[in-house]
N, C-alpha and C. Protein backbone atom coordinates (compact mmCIF):
# COMPACT_ATOMS: atom_id res chain seq x y z
N MET A 1 20.57 -51.28 103.05
CA MET A 1 20.65 -50.08 102.26
C MET A 1 19.34 -49.31 102.42
N LEU A 2 19.44 -48.01 102.44
CA LEU A 2 18.27 -47.18 102.56
C LEU A 2 17.44 -47.24 101.29
N LYS A 3 16.15 -47.06 101.44
CA LYS A 3 15.29 -47.02 100.26
C LYS A 3 15.54 -45.71 99.54
N LEU A 4 15.85 -45.83 98.27
CA LEU A 4 16.14 -44.66 97.47
C LEU A 4 14.89 -44.23 96.71
N SER A 5 14.71 -42.93 96.59
CA SER A 5 13.57 -42.37 95.88
C SER A 5 14.06 -41.77 94.56
N GLN A 6 13.47 -42.21 93.45
CA GLN A 6 13.86 -41.69 92.14
C GLN A 6 13.67 -40.18 92.08
N GLU A 7 12.58 -39.70 92.64
CA GLU A 7 12.30 -38.27 92.62
C GLU A 7 13.38 -37.48 93.38
N THR A 8 13.76 -37.96 94.54
CA THR A 8 14.78 -37.28 95.35
C THR A 8 16.13 -37.28 94.63
N ILE A 9 16.49 -38.43 94.08
CA ILE A 9 17.77 -38.55 93.37
C ILE A 9 17.78 -37.63 92.15
N ASP A 10 16.68 -37.58 91.41
CA ASP A 10 16.59 -36.70 90.25
C ASP A 10 16.69 -35.23 90.66
N GLN A 11 16.06 -34.85 91.76
CA GLN A 11 16.14 -33.47 92.24
C GLN A 11 17.57 -33.11 92.63
N GLU A 12 18.26 -34.04 93.31
CA GLU A 12 19.65 -33.80 93.68
C GLU A 12 20.51 -33.61 92.43
N GLU A 13 20.28 -34.46 91.43
CA GLU A 13 21.05 -34.35 90.20
C GLU A 13 20.81 -33.02 89.50
N GLU A 14 19.57 -32.58 89.48
CA GLU A 14 19.25 -31.30 88.84
C GLU A 14 19.93 -30.14 89.58
N LEU A 15 19.94 -30.15 90.90
CA LEU A 15 20.63 -29.10 91.67
C LEU A 15 22.12 -29.09 91.37
N ILE A 16 22.70 -30.28 91.25
CA ILE A 16 24.12 -30.38 90.92
C ILE A 16 24.37 -29.80 89.52
N ARG A 17 23.52 -30.15 88.57
CA ARG A 17 23.67 -29.63 87.20
C ARG A 17 23.57 -28.10 87.18
N GLN A 18 22.65 -27.55 87.96
CA GLN A 18 22.52 -26.10 88.04
C GLN A 18 23.79 -25.47 88.61
N SER A 19 24.35 -26.09 89.63
CA SER A 19 25.59 -25.59 90.23
C SER A 19 26.74 -25.65 89.24
N ILE A 20 26.80 -26.70 88.47
CA ILE A 20 27.86 -26.85 87.46
C ILE A 20 27.72 -25.77 86.40
N SER A 21 26.51 -25.47 86.00
CA SER A 21 26.30 -24.46 84.96
C SER A 21 26.74 -23.07 85.41
N GLN A 22 26.84 -22.84 86.72
CA GLN A 22 27.26 -21.54 87.24
C GLN A 22 28.78 -21.41 87.36
N LEU A 23 29.48 -22.50 87.08
CA LEU A 23 30.94 -22.45 87.15
C LEU A 23 31.50 -21.73 85.93
N SER A 24 32.68 -21.16 86.08
CA SER A 24 33.36 -20.57 84.93
C SER A 24 33.81 -21.70 84.00
N ASP A 25 34.22 -21.34 82.80
CA ASP A 25 34.66 -22.35 81.83
C ASP A 25 35.83 -23.16 82.37
N ASN A 26 36.80 -22.49 82.98
CA ASN A 26 37.96 -23.20 83.52
C ASN A 26 37.58 -24.10 84.69
N GLU A 27 36.70 -23.60 85.56
CA GLU A 27 36.24 -24.40 86.69
C GLU A 27 35.46 -25.62 86.21
N ARG A 28 34.62 -25.41 85.21
CA ARG A 28 33.83 -26.52 84.66
C ARG A 28 34.75 -27.57 84.03
N LYS A 29 35.77 -27.11 83.33
CA LYS A 29 36.74 -28.03 82.73
C LYS A 29 37.46 -28.83 83.80
N GLU A 30 37.89 -28.17 84.85
CA GLU A 30 38.56 -28.84 85.96
C GLU A 30 37.61 -29.82 86.66
N TYR A 31 36.36 -29.39 86.84
CA TYR A 31 35.36 -30.24 87.48
C TYR A 31 35.16 -31.53 86.68
N PHE A 32 34.93 -31.41 85.37
CA PHE A 32 34.67 -32.60 84.56
C PHE A 32 35.91 -33.49 84.47
N HIS A 33 37.07 -32.89 84.48
CA HIS A 33 38.30 -33.68 84.49
C HIS A 33 38.39 -34.50 85.79
N THR A 34 37.96 -33.91 86.89
CA THR A 34 38.01 -34.58 88.19
C THR A 34 37.01 -35.74 88.27
N VAL A 35 35.78 -35.51 87.83
CA VAL A 35 34.74 -36.53 88.01
C VAL A 35 34.73 -37.60 86.92
N LYS A 36 35.36 -37.32 85.78
CA LYS A 36 35.29 -38.25 84.65
C LYS A 36 35.71 -39.67 85.03
N SER A 37 36.76 -39.81 85.77
CA SER A 37 37.26 -41.14 86.12
C SER A 37 36.53 -41.75 87.32
N GLN A 38 35.73 -40.96 88.02
CA GLN A 38 35.06 -41.44 89.22
C GLN A 38 33.60 -41.85 88.98
N ILE A 39 33.02 -41.39 87.90
CA ILE A 39 31.63 -41.70 87.57
C ILE A 39 31.54 -43.17 87.18
N LYS A 40 30.51 -43.85 87.67
CA LYS A 40 30.32 -45.28 87.41
C LYS A 40 29.14 -45.51 86.48
N ASP A 41 29.22 -46.61 85.74
CA ASP A 41 28.20 -46.99 84.78
C ASP A 41 27.20 -47.96 85.41
N PRO A 42 25.90 -47.63 85.38
CA PRO A 42 24.90 -48.52 85.98
C PRO A 42 24.84 -49.89 85.32
N ASP A 43 25.13 -49.94 84.03
CA ASP A 43 25.08 -51.23 83.33
C ASP A 43 26.20 -52.16 83.79
N THR A 44 27.38 -51.61 84.02
CA THR A 44 28.48 -52.43 84.54
C THR A 44 28.14 -52.95 85.92
N TYR A 45 27.56 -52.10 86.74
CA TYR A 45 27.14 -52.51 88.09
C TYR A 45 26.13 -53.65 88.00
N ALA A 46 25.15 -53.50 87.12
CA ALA A 46 24.10 -54.53 86.98
C ALA A 46 24.68 -55.83 86.45
N VAL A 47 25.60 -55.76 85.50
CA VAL A 47 26.22 -56.97 84.95
C VAL A 47 27.02 -57.69 86.02
N LEU A 48 27.79 -56.94 86.80
CA LEU A 48 28.55 -57.57 87.89
C LEU A 48 27.61 -58.24 88.88
N ASN A 49 26.50 -57.61 89.14
CA ASN A 49 25.52 -58.19 90.06
C ASN A 49 24.87 -59.43 89.44
N TRP A 50 24.47 -59.34 88.20
CA TRP A 50 23.76 -60.43 87.54
C TRP A 50 24.61 -61.69 87.42
N PHE A 51 25.85 -61.52 86.97
CA PHE A 51 26.70 -62.68 86.74
C PHE A 51 27.39 -63.18 88.00
N PHE A 52 27.59 -62.30 88.94
CA PHE A 52 28.32 -62.67 90.16
C PHE A 52 27.51 -62.24 91.37
N MET A 53 26.52 -63.01 91.73
CA MET A 53 25.65 -62.67 92.85
C MET A 53 26.40 -62.67 94.18
N ALA A 54 27.71 -62.73 94.11
CA ALA A 54 28.52 -62.82 95.32
C ALA A 54 28.89 -61.46 95.89
N GLY A 55 28.38 -60.38 95.34
CA GLY A 55 28.64 -59.07 95.90
C GLY A 55 29.76 -58.28 95.24
N LEU A 56 30.24 -58.75 94.09
CA LEU A 56 31.36 -58.06 93.43
C LEU A 56 30.98 -56.66 92.95
N HIS A 57 29.71 -56.44 92.70
CA HIS A 57 29.26 -55.12 92.26
C HIS A 57 29.49 -54.07 93.34
N HIS A 58 29.54 -54.48 94.59
CA HIS A 58 29.82 -53.51 95.67
C HIS A 58 31.26 -52.98 95.57
N PHE A 59 32.17 -53.84 95.17
CA PHE A 59 33.56 -53.41 94.99
C PHE A 59 33.65 -52.36 93.89
N TYR A 60 32.85 -52.50 92.85
CA TYR A 60 32.84 -51.55 91.73
C TYR A 60 32.56 -50.13 92.20
N LEU A 61 31.70 -49.99 93.20
CA LEU A 61 31.38 -48.66 93.74
C LEU A 61 32.26 -48.27 94.92
N GLY A 62 33.21 -49.14 95.27
CA GLY A 62 34.11 -48.82 96.36
C GLY A 62 33.57 -49.16 97.73
N TYR A 63 32.50 -49.92 97.80
CA TYR A 63 31.93 -50.34 99.08
C TYR A 63 32.61 -51.64 99.51
N TRP A 64 33.85 -51.51 99.93
CA TRP A 64 34.70 -52.66 100.20
C TRP A 64 34.19 -53.55 101.33
N LEU A 65 33.74 -52.96 102.41
CA LEU A 65 33.26 -53.76 103.54
C LEU A 65 32.03 -54.56 103.15
N ARG A 66 31.07 -53.90 102.53
CA ARG A 66 29.86 -54.59 102.09
C ARG A 66 30.20 -55.70 101.10
N GLY A 67 31.10 -55.42 100.17
CA GLY A 67 31.52 -56.42 99.20
C GLY A 67 32.18 -57.61 99.86
N CYS A 68 33.05 -57.34 100.83
CA CYS A 68 33.73 -58.44 101.54
C CYS A 68 32.74 -59.30 102.33
N VAL A 69 31.78 -58.67 102.97
CA VAL A 69 30.78 -59.42 103.74
C VAL A 69 29.96 -60.31 102.81
N HIS A 70 29.46 -59.74 101.73
CA HIS A 70 28.62 -60.52 100.81
C HIS A 70 29.41 -61.64 100.14
N LEU A 71 30.64 -61.33 99.74
CA LEU A 71 31.49 -62.36 99.12
C LEU A 71 31.81 -63.46 100.13
N SER A 72 32.09 -63.10 101.36
CA SER A 72 32.39 -64.09 102.40
C SER A 72 31.20 -65.00 102.67
N VAL A 73 30.01 -64.42 102.74
CA VAL A 73 28.81 -65.22 102.97
C VAL A 73 28.60 -66.20 101.81
N PHE A 74 28.81 -65.71 100.60
CA PHE A 74 28.67 -66.57 99.42
C PHE A 74 29.68 -67.72 99.46
N ILE A 75 30.92 -67.42 99.81
CA ILE A 75 31.97 -68.45 99.88
C ILE A 75 31.66 -69.45 100.99
N VAL A 76 31.16 -68.98 102.11
CA VAL A 76 30.76 -69.90 103.20
C VAL A 76 29.67 -70.84 102.69
N GLY A 77 28.71 -70.32 101.95
CA GLY A 77 27.66 -71.16 101.38
C GLY A 77 28.23 -72.23 100.46
N LEU A 78 29.17 -71.83 99.61
CA LEU A 78 29.81 -72.82 98.73
C LEU A 78 30.59 -73.85 99.52
N ALA A 79 31.33 -73.39 100.51
CA ALA A 79 32.12 -74.32 101.34
C ALA A 79 31.22 -75.33 102.04
N LEU A 80 30.08 -74.87 102.53
CA LEU A 80 29.14 -75.79 103.19
C LEU A 80 28.59 -76.83 102.22
N ILE A 81 28.35 -76.41 100.99
CA ILE A 81 27.88 -77.37 99.98
C ILE A 81 28.93 -78.46 99.76
N PHE A 82 30.18 -78.04 99.61
CA PHE A 82 31.26 -79.01 99.36
C PHE A 82 31.62 -79.82 100.60
N ALA A 83 31.25 -79.31 101.77
CA ALA A 83 31.53 -80.02 103.02
C ALA A 83 30.42 -81.02 103.37
N GLY A 84 29.44 -81.14 102.52
CA GLY A 84 28.39 -82.10 102.77
C GLY A 84 27.14 -81.54 103.42
N LEU A 85 27.13 -80.26 103.69
CA LEU A 85 25.95 -79.61 104.27
C LEU A 85 25.23 -78.84 103.16
N GLU A 86 24.79 -79.59 102.15
CA GLU A 86 24.24 -78.99 100.95
C GLU A 86 23.05 -78.07 101.23
N LEU A 87 22.12 -78.54 102.03
CA LEU A 87 20.91 -77.76 102.30
C LEU A 87 21.25 -76.41 102.93
N LEU A 88 22.09 -76.43 103.95
CA LEU A 88 22.48 -75.17 104.61
C LEU A 88 23.23 -74.25 103.64
N GLY A 89 24.15 -74.83 102.88
CA GLY A 89 24.90 -74.04 101.90
C GLY A 89 24.01 -73.41 100.85
N VAL A 90 23.07 -74.20 100.34
CA VAL A 90 22.14 -73.67 99.34
C VAL A 90 21.26 -72.58 99.94
N LEU A 91 20.79 -72.79 101.15
CA LEU A 91 19.97 -71.77 101.81
C LEU A 91 20.73 -70.46 101.99
N ILE A 92 21.99 -70.55 102.36
CA ILE A 92 22.81 -69.34 102.52
C ILE A 92 22.99 -68.63 101.18
N ILE A 93 23.30 -69.40 100.14
CA ILE A 93 23.49 -68.80 98.82
C ILE A 93 22.18 -68.19 98.30
N VAL A 94 21.08 -68.88 98.49
CA VAL A 94 19.78 -68.34 98.09
C VAL A 94 19.47 -67.07 98.89
N GLY A 95 19.77 -67.08 100.17
CA GLY A 95 19.53 -65.90 101.01
C GLY A 95 20.31 -64.69 100.54
N ILE A 96 21.61 -64.87 100.29
CA ILE A 96 22.43 -63.73 99.85
C ILE A 96 22.00 -63.30 98.45
N SER A 97 21.56 -64.24 97.63
CA SER A 97 21.10 -63.90 96.28
C SER A 97 19.82 -63.07 96.33
N ILE A 98 18.94 -63.40 97.25
CA ILE A 98 17.71 -62.61 97.40
C ILE A 98 18.05 -61.18 97.82
N ILE A 99 19.00 -61.06 98.74
CA ILE A 99 19.43 -59.72 99.16
C ILE A 99 20.03 -58.96 97.98
N GLU A 100 20.80 -59.66 97.16
CA GLU A 100 21.45 -59.02 96.02
C GLU A 100 20.46 -58.65 94.91
N LEU A 101 19.31 -59.30 94.88
CA LEU A 101 18.30 -58.97 93.87
C LEU A 101 17.84 -57.52 94.00
N TYR A 102 17.79 -57.02 95.23
CA TYR A 102 17.42 -55.61 95.42
C TYR A 102 18.39 -54.72 94.66
N ALA A 103 19.69 -55.00 94.81
CA ALA A 103 20.70 -54.19 94.12
C ALA A 103 20.58 -54.34 92.61
N LEU A 104 20.22 -55.52 92.15
CA LEU A 104 20.06 -55.72 90.71
C LEU A 104 18.89 -54.91 90.17
N PHE A 105 17.75 -54.99 90.83
CA PHE A 105 16.57 -54.27 90.35
C PHE A 105 16.66 -52.76 90.55
N GLN A 106 17.50 -52.32 91.46
CA GLN A 106 17.66 -50.89 91.73
C GLN A 106 18.99 -50.35 91.20
N SER A 107 19.66 -51.08 90.31
CA SER A 107 21.01 -50.72 89.90
C SER A 107 21.10 -49.31 89.31
N GLN A 108 20.15 -48.93 88.47
CA GLN A 108 20.18 -47.59 87.88
C GLN A 108 20.13 -46.51 88.96
N LEU A 109 19.24 -46.70 89.91
CA LEU A 109 19.05 -45.72 90.99
C LEU A 109 20.25 -45.70 91.95
N ILE A 110 20.76 -46.87 92.27
CA ILE A 110 21.91 -46.96 93.18
C ILE A 110 23.12 -46.25 92.58
N VAL A 111 23.37 -46.49 91.31
CA VAL A 111 24.54 -45.87 90.67
C VAL A 111 24.30 -44.38 90.43
N GLN A 112 23.08 -43.99 90.12
CA GLN A 112 22.78 -42.56 89.97
C GLN A 112 23.02 -41.84 91.29
N ASN A 113 22.61 -42.43 92.39
CA ASN A 113 22.84 -41.85 93.71
C ASN A 113 24.34 -41.76 94.00
N TYR A 114 25.07 -42.82 93.69
CA TYR A 114 26.52 -42.83 93.89
C TYR A 114 27.17 -41.70 93.06
N ASN A 115 26.78 -41.60 91.80
CA ASN A 115 27.35 -40.57 90.93
C ASN A 115 27.01 -39.17 91.42
N ASN A 116 25.79 -38.99 91.94
CA ASN A 116 25.43 -37.69 92.53
C ASN A 116 26.37 -37.34 93.68
N GLN A 117 26.66 -38.32 94.52
CA GLN A 117 27.57 -38.09 95.65
C GLN A 117 28.97 -37.71 95.15
N VAL A 118 29.44 -38.40 94.12
CA VAL A 118 30.76 -38.10 93.54
C VAL A 118 30.78 -36.68 92.99
N MET A 119 29.73 -36.33 92.24
CA MET A 119 29.67 -35.00 91.63
C MET A 119 29.57 -33.90 92.68
N GLN A 120 28.77 -34.14 93.73
CA GLN A 120 28.63 -33.14 94.79
C GLN A 120 29.94 -32.96 95.54
N LYS A 121 30.63 -34.05 95.81
CA LYS A 121 31.91 -33.96 96.50
C LYS A 121 32.93 -33.18 95.67
N ALA A 122 32.94 -33.41 94.37
CA ALA A 122 33.86 -32.68 93.50
C ALA A 122 33.53 -31.19 93.48
N LEU A 123 32.23 -30.87 93.46
CA LEU A 123 31.82 -29.46 93.52
C LEU A 123 32.24 -28.82 94.84
N ASP A 124 32.02 -29.52 95.94
CA ASP A 124 32.40 -29.01 97.25
C ASP A 124 33.90 -28.76 97.34
N GLU A 125 34.68 -29.69 96.82
CA GLU A 125 36.14 -29.52 96.84
C GLU A 125 36.59 -28.37 95.96
N LEU A 126 35.94 -28.21 94.82
CA LEU A 126 36.26 -27.10 93.92
C LEU A 126 35.94 -25.77 94.59
N ARG A 127 34.81 -25.70 95.26
CA ARG A 127 34.42 -24.47 95.96
C ARG A 127 35.36 -24.17 97.12
N LYS A 128 35.75 -25.22 97.85
CA LYS A 128 36.66 -25.05 98.98
C LYS A 128 38.01 -24.52 98.48
N PHE A 129 38.50 -25.08 97.39
CA PHE A 129 39.77 -24.64 96.82
C PHE A 129 39.67 -23.22 96.29
N LYS A 130 38.52 -22.88 95.73
CA LYS A 130 38.28 -21.56 95.16
C LYS A 130 38.28 -20.47 96.24
N THR A 131 37.78 -20.80 97.43
CA THR A 131 37.69 -19.80 98.50
C THR A 131 39.01 -19.60 99.23
N LYS A 132 39.97 -20.49 99.01
CA LYS A 132 41.27 -20.34 99.70
C LYS A 132 42.14 -19.34 99.01
């Protein structure tokens, strides 16, 4: 994952908010109706990460491939433990957990960036529909 900058993400969010404020009342209502179900909660993301270091939080944001890879690696680690290769299995699980710690410590920023992308896409679609 790319290193995210709080300042950059905040600037993007502010530009989006300014664009939303320029919409008409009907457009703003339509916009919020569109994004309401797509916006994600950073706390839910962090909880999924904290309790299930197996990558389930990636599914929450719709990152299916990343979620499948992390979950598969975690399952392989468990399978190796049960197959008698405890050290290798534990090392794999510890490795994937260390990778997942980044997502845990950056959960607020990761979800804010995701939500910015959702909001920008909704604005772009609204503008595209408006110009037709």
